[in-house]
Amino acid sequence: MAGFNSKKVRHVPSRMCVGCRQVLPKRSLIRIVRSPEGVFVDPTGKMNGRGAYLHDDLSCWEKGLKGPLSGALRTELTEEDRQRMKDFAATLRPASMSDEAKA
């Protein structure tokens, strides 16, 4: 059959960044999870609990911590949770030049 593509197209899961609301492949975002012990960054993406996603961009974390993150996780962030998220965000880069060029 002419034009028939025998290669299978892999499904790439996508998620929305709660900071900027941009939809991207799941692997390019950082998962934050709400568990009974609190809210944590999930580097493996496999922890049990309700998850939300943010870019590895400081501005998205700042926006997310203002409210969208707690809404997505359906919980109020405790001061300890908030400090844990701020500590992680401090290790991130500011908005990259390529991100600014897209806007």
C-alpha atoms as a PDB file:
ATOM      1  CA  MET A   1       0.000   0.000   0.000  1.00  0.00           C
ATOM      2  CA  ALA A   2       1.441   3.304  -1.053  1.00  0.00           C
ATOM      3  CA  GLY A   3       1.770   5.882   1.722  1.00  0.00           C
ATOM      4  CA  PHE A   4       1.164   3.359   4.515  1.00  0.00           C
ATOM      5  CA  ASN A   5       3.419   4.058   7.459  1.00  0.00           C
ATOM      6  CA  SER A   6       4.242   0.833   9.288  1.00  0.00           C
ATOM      7  CA  LYS A   7       5.991   2.626  12.176  1.00  0.00           C
ATOM      8  CA  LYS A   8       3.924   2.836  15.338  1.00  0.00           C
ATOM      9  CA  VAL A   9       3.488   6.324  16.726  1.00  0.00           C
ATOM     10  CA  ARG A  10       4.152   6.312  20.464  1.00  0.00           C
ATOM     11  CA  HIS A  11       1.725   8.178  22.654  1.00  0.00           C
ATOM     12  CA  VAL A  12       3.525  10.884  24.629  1.00  0.00           C
ATOM     13  CA  PRO A  13       1.659  11.761  27.848  1.00  0.00           C
ATOM     14  CA  SER A  14       1.227  15.500  28.324  1.00  0.00           C
ATOM     15  CA  ARG A  15       0.500  17.573  31.424  1.00  0.00           C
ATOM     16  CA  MET A  16      -0.201  21.225  32.148  1.00  0.00           C
ATOM     17  CA  CYS A  17       2.171  23.408  34.151  1.00  0.00           C
ATOM     18  CA  VAL A  18       0.021  24.922  36.925  1.00  0.00           C
ATOM     19  CA  GLY A  19       2.207  28.040  36.885  1.00  0.00           C
ATOM     20  CA  CYS A  20       1.946  29.122  33.236  1.00  0.00           C
ATOM     21  CA  ARG A  21      -0.807  26.691  32.088  1.00  0.00           C
ATOM     22  CA  GLN A  22       1.257  25.517  29.109  1.00  0.00           C
ATOM     23  CA  VAL A  23       0.717  21.881  28.069  1.00  0.00           C
ATOM     24  CA  LEU A  24       3.969  19.972  27.540  1.00  0.00           C
ATOM     25  CA  PRO A  25       5.231  16.393  27.538  1.00  0.00           C
ATOM     26  CA  LYS A  26       5.022  14.983  31.055  1.00  0.00           C
ATOM     27  CA  ARG A  27       8.750  14.183  31.142  1.00  0.00           C
ATOM     28  CA  SER A  28       9.711  17.852  30.678  1.00  0.00           C
ATOM     29  CA  LEU A  29       7.875  18.953  33.839  1.00  0.00           C
ATOM     30  CA  ILE A  30       8.555  18.490  37.558  1.00  0.00           C
ATOM     31  CA  ARG A  31       5.900  16.586  39.505  1.00  0.00           C
ATOM     32  CA  ILE A  32       4.792  17.760  42.926  1.00  0.00           C
ATOM     33  CA  VAL A  33       2.806  15.248  44.957  1.00  0.00           C
ATOM     34  CA  ARG A  34       0.452  15.525  47.929  1.00  0.00           C
ATOM     35  CA  SER A  35       0.830  12.579  50.255  1.00  0.00           C
ATOM     36  CA  PRO A  36      -0.407  11.997  53.810  1.00  0.00           C
ATOM     37  CA  GLU A  37       3.038  13.183  55.021  1.00  0.00           C
ATOM     38  CA  GLY A  38       2.824  16.514  53.160  1.00  0.00           C
ATOM     39  CA  VAL A  39       3.643  18.041  49.778  1.00  0.00           C
ATOM     40  CA  PHE A  40       6.907  16.959  48.138  1.00  0.00           C
ATOM     41  CA  VAL A  41       8.809  17.230  44.863  1.00  0.00           C
ATOM     42  CA  ASP A  42       8.619  13.842  43.147  1.00  0.00           C
ATOM     43  CA  PRO A  43      11.792  13.381  41.078  1.00  0.00           C
ATOM     44  CA  THR A  44      10.789   9.861  39.973  1.00  0.00           C
ATOM     45  CA  GLY A  45       7.228  10.811  38.978  1.00  0.00           C
ATOM     46  CA  LYS A  46       6.017   7.607  40.626  1.00  0.00           C
ATOM     47  CA  MET A  47       5.207   8.539  44.228  1.00  0.00           C
ATOM     48  CA  ASN A  48       1.714   7.732  45.449  1.00  0.00           C
ATOM     49  CA  GLY A  49      -0.618  10.677  45.895  1.00  0.00           C
ATOM     50  CA  ARG A  50      -2.280  13.460  43.972  1.00  0.00           C
ATOM     51  CA  GLY A  51       0.143  15.180  41.610  1.00  0.00           C
ATOM     52  CA  ALA A  52       0.570  18.531  39.906  1.00  0.00           C
ATOM     53  CA  TYR A  53       3.238  19.696  37.471  1.00  0.00           C
ATOM     54  CA  LEU A  54       5.487  22.749  37.123  1.00  0.00           C
ATOM     55  CA  HIS A  55       8.245  23.780  34.695  1.00  0.00           C
ATOM     56  CA  ASP A  56      11.827  23.816  35.925  1.00  0.00           C
ATOM     57  CA  ASP A  57      11.513  27.589  35.716  1.00  0.00           C
ATOM     58  CA  LEU A  58      11.583  29.870  38.746  1.00  0.00           C
ATOM     59  CA  SER A  59       8.798  32.122  37.446  1.00  0.00           C
ATOM     60  CA  CYS A  60       6.396  29.157  37.116  1.00  0.00           C
ATOM     61  CA  TRP A  61       7.152  28.116  40.696  1.00  0.00           C
ATOM     62  CA  GLU A  62       6.553  31.646  41.958  1.00  0.00           C
ATOM     63  CA  LYS A  63       3.181  31.764  40.153  1.00  0.00           C
ATOM     64  CA  GLY A  64       2.278  28.249  41.275  1.00  0.00           C
ATOM     65  CA  LEU A  65       2.999  28.947  44.934  1.00  0.00           C
ATOM     66  CA  LYS A  66       0.606  31.915  44.880  1.00  0.00           C
ATOM     67  CA  GLY A  67      -2.365  29.540  44.720  1.00  0.00           C
ATOM     68  CA  PRO A  68      -2.658  27.340  41.629  1.00  0.00           C
ATOM     69  CA  LEU A  69      -0.455  24.612  43.137  1.00  0.00           C
ATOM     70  CA  SER A  70      -2.574  24.218  46.261  1.00  0.00           C
ATOM     71  CA  GLY A  71      -5.706  24.233  44.074  1.00  0.00           C
ATOM     72  CA  ALA A  72      -4.351  21.519  41.786  1.00  0.00           C
ATOM     73  CA  LEU A  73      -3.329  19.404  44.772  1.00  0.00           C
ATOM     74  CA  ARG A  74      -6.667  20.127  46.488  1.00  0.00           C
ATOM     75  CA  THR A  75      -5.013  21.063  49.765  1.00  0.00           C
ATOM     76  CA  GLU A  76      -3.751  24.075  51.663  1.00  0.00           C
ATOM     77  CA  LEU A  77       0.031  24.166  51.733  1.00  0.00           C
ATOM     78  CA  THR A  78       1.382  24.208  55.274  1.00  0.00           C
ATOM     79  CA  GLU A  79       4.228  26.570  56.077  1.00  0.00           C
ATOM     80  CA  GLU A  80       6.551  23.538  56.067  1.00  0.00           C
ATOM     81  CA  ASP A  81       5.276  22.456  52.608  1.00  0.00           C
ATOM     82  CA  ARG A  82       5.624  25.998  51.280  1.00  0.00           C
ATOM     83  CA  GLN A  83       9.196  26.271  52.612  1.00  0.00           C
ATOM     84  CA  ARG A  84      10.101  22.894  51.057  1.00  0.00           C
ATOM     85  CA  MET A  85       8.808  24.122  47.678  1.00  0.00           C
ATOM     86  CA  LYS A  86      10.643  27.465  48.010  1.00  0.00           C
ATOM     87  CA  ASP A  87      13.882  25.664  48.881  1.00  0.00           C
ATOM     88  CA  PHE A  88      13.568  23.517  45.755  1.00  0.00           C
ATOM     89  CA  ALA A  89      12.613  26.527  43.614  1.00  0.00           C
ATOM     90  CA  ALA A  90      15.785  28.305  44.790  1.00  0.00           C
ATOM     91  CA  THR A  91      17.809  25.659  42.918  1.00  0.00           C
ATOM     92  CA  LEU A  92      16.055  26.419  39.607  1.00  0.00           C
ATOM     93  CA  ARG A  93      17.118  28.694  36.788  1.00  0.00           C
ATOM     94  CA  PRO A  94      15.320  31.940  35.969  1.00  0.00           C
ATOM     95  CA  ALA A  95      13.291  32.040  32.727  1.00  0.00           C
ATOM     96  CA  SER A  96      15.630  31.046  29.911  1.00  0.00           C
ATOM     97  CA  MET A  97      16.263  33.199  26.875  1.00  0.00           C
ATOM     98  CA  SER A  98      14.582  30.603  24.656  1.00  0.00           C
ATOM     99  CA  ASP A  99      11.401  30.799  26.794  1.00  0.00           C
ATOM    100  CA  GLU A 100      11.387  34.587  26.490  1.00  0.00           C
ATOM    101  CA  ALA A 101      11.898  34.388  22.715  1.00  0.00           C
ATOM    102  CA  LYS A 102       8.754  32.247  22.399  1.00  0.00           C
ATOM    103  CA  ALA A 103       6.570  34.840  24.147  1.00  0.00           C
END
